[in-house]
Amino acid sequence: MKKFIILYHAPASAVEQMSKASPEEMKKGMEPWMAWAQKVGDKGDKMVDFGTPLGNGQSVSKSGSSASNSDVNGYTIIRADSMEQAVELLKKHPHLDWADGCKIEVFESLSIPGME
């Protein structure tokens, strides 16, 4: 099976709203995510790393670093036989229903000969 890196994108307004949620609201908001993870996990060894939210990003270049303006706010790592299968696992992901403007990117993790 191939490994796929999933990046979650959300507008700043959605991230800010979630940061103001109570612990109970956060727990309730995570219920659909946990159900999705369970469904993916039920398909064998497809869930590699559920991931975490991301924040406080920095953009680094030769000339220095600055606050990132990326709307990436989380990641997950899964296994699938193909990109098509990975996309199929993501079609009903709860992140897509979180707020207007939310999207998911998925990338295949490519192996480097001699570095596996």
Protein backbone atom coordinates (compact mmCIF):
# COMPACT_ATOMS: atom_id res chain seq x y z
CA MET A 1 0.00 0.00 0.00
CA LYS A 2 1.05 3.56 -0.65
CA LYS A 3 1.20 6.29 1.99
CA PHE A 4 -0.76 9.53 1.54
CA ILE A 5 -0.39 12.82 3.39
CA ILE A 6 -3.64 14.73 3.87
CA LEU A 7 -3.56 18.47 4.49
CA TYR A 8 -6.62 20.24 5.83
CA HIS A 9 -7.26 23.83 4.71
CA ALA A 10 -9.71 26.15 6.46
CA PRO A 11 -10.34 29.90 6.44
CA ALA A 12 -8.94 31.84 9.39
CA SER A 13 -12.49 32.64 10.56
CA ALA A 14 -13.27 28.93 11.06
CA VAL A 15 -10.02 28.34 12.95
CA GLU A 16 -10.70 31.36 15.17
CA GLN A 17 -14.25 30.16 15.88
CA MET A 18 -12.95 26.74 16.94
CA SER A 19 -10.30 28.31 19.20
CA LYS A 20 -13.12 30.01 21.13
CA ALA A 21 -15.13 26.80 21.56
CA SER A 22 -15.65 25.29 25.00
CA PRO A 23 -14.11 21.88 25.75
CA GLU A 24 -17.58 20.35 25.40
CA GLU A 25 -18.09 22.02 22.00
CA MET A 26 -14.65 20.85 20.86
CA LYS A 27 -15.40 17.29 21.93
CA LYS A 28 -18.73 17.36 20.10
CA GLY A 29 -17.04 18.84 17.03
CA MET A 30 -14.54 15.97 17.01
CA GLU A 31 -17.21 13.24 17.07
CA PRO A 32 -17.65 13.18 13.26
CA TRP A 33 -13.86 13.09 12.86
CA MET A 34 -13.58 10.12 15.21
CA ALA A 35 -16.37 8.33 13.31
CA TRP A 36 -14.49 8.96 10.04
CA ALA A 37 -11.23 7.69 11.57
CA GLN A 38 -13.03 4.58 12.85
CA LYS A 39 -14.45 3.92 9.38
CA VAL A 40 -11.00 4.29 7.79
CA GLY A 41 -9.46 2.13 10.53
CA ASP A 42 -12.10 -0.55 9.93
CA LYS A 43 -10.72 -0.92 6.41
CA GLY A 44 -7.54 -2.57 7.73
CA ASP A 45 -4.28 -0.75 8.29
CA LYS A 46 -5.26 2.39 6.37
CA MET A 47 -4.97 4.85 9.29
CA VAL A 48 -1.26 5.55 9.85
CA ASP A 49 -1.44 8.77 11.88
CA PHE A 50 -4.71 10.52 12.77
CA GLY A 51 -2.69 13.72 12.98
CA THR A 52 -3.26 16.93 14.88
CA PRO A 53 -4.27 20.52 14.31
CA LEU A 54 -1.43 22.76 13.12
CA GLY A 55 -0.78 26.38 14.02
CA ASN A 56 1.83 29.06 14.54
CA GLY A 57 3.47 28.24 11.20
CA GLN A 58 6.63 29.88 9.93
CA SER A 59 7.73 30.34 6.34
CA VAL A 60 11.50 29.84 6.10
CA SER A 61 13.75 30.92 3.23
CA LYS A 62 17.45 31.70 2.77
CA SER A 63 16.76 35.30 3.77
CA GLY A 64 14.99 34.48 7.03
CA SER A 65 11.59 33.50 8.37
CA SER A 66 8.19 35.07 8.86
CA ALA A 67 4.72 34.06 9.96
CA SER A 68 3.15 31.70 7.46
CA ASN A 69 0.04 32.87 5.65
CA SER A 70 -0.95 29.29 4.76
CA ASP A 71 -4.47 28.15 5.54
CA VAL A 72 -3.25 24.61 6.30
CA ASN A 73 -4.52 23.80 9.77
CA GLY A 74 -4.06 20.05 10.19
CA TYR A 75 -2.84 16.78 8.73
CA THR A 76 -3.53 13.05 8.64
CA ILE A 77 -1.52 10.17 7.14
CA ILE A 78 -3.31 7.18 5.60
CA ARG A 79 -2.48 4.17 3.45
CA ALA A 80 -4.36 3.28 0.29
CA ASP A 81 -3.77 1.21 -2.82
CA SER A 82 -4.04 4.24 -5.12
CA MET A 83 -4.73 7.97 -5.21
CA GLU A 84 -8.27 7.13 -6.34
CA GLN A 85 -8.82 5.01 -3.23
CA ALA A 86 -7.36 7.74 -1.00
CA VAL A 87 -9.68 10.34 -2.56
CA GLU A 88 -12.64 7.99 -2.10
CA LEU A 89 -11.84 7.73 1.63
CA LEU A 90 -11.91 11.54 1.83
CA LYS A 91 -15.11 12.30 -0.10
CA LYS A 92 -17.31 12.33 3.01
CA HIS A 93 -14.69 13.67 5.42
CA PRO A 94 -16.25 15.91 8.11
CA HIS A 95 -13.68 18.65 7.50
CA LEU A 96 -15.48 19.46 4.25
CA ASP A 97 -18.65 20.31 6.23
CA TRP A 98 -16.91 22.34 8.95
CA ALA A 99 -17.15 25.76 7.27
CA ASP A 100 -17.42 27.38 3.85
CA GLY A 101 -14.03 27.36 2.18
CA CYS A 102 -12.73 24.19 3.82
CA LYS A 103 -10.89 21.83 1.52
CA ILE A 104 -8.56 18.86 1.66
CA GLU A 105 -5.39 18.20 -0.31
CA VAL A 106 -3.93 14.72 -0.56
CA PHE A 107 -0.40 13.90 -1.68
CA GLU A 108 1.23 10.55 -2.30
CA SER A 109 4.38 10.09 -0.24
CA LEU A 110 6.97 8.98 -2.79
CA SER A 111 9.82 6.70 -1.82
CA ILE A 112 13.42 7.58 -2.57
CA PRO A 113 15.54 4.60 -3.63
CA GLY A 114 17.97 3.70 -0.88
CA MET A 115 16.13 5.84 1.70
CA GLU A 116 13.31 3.46 2.62
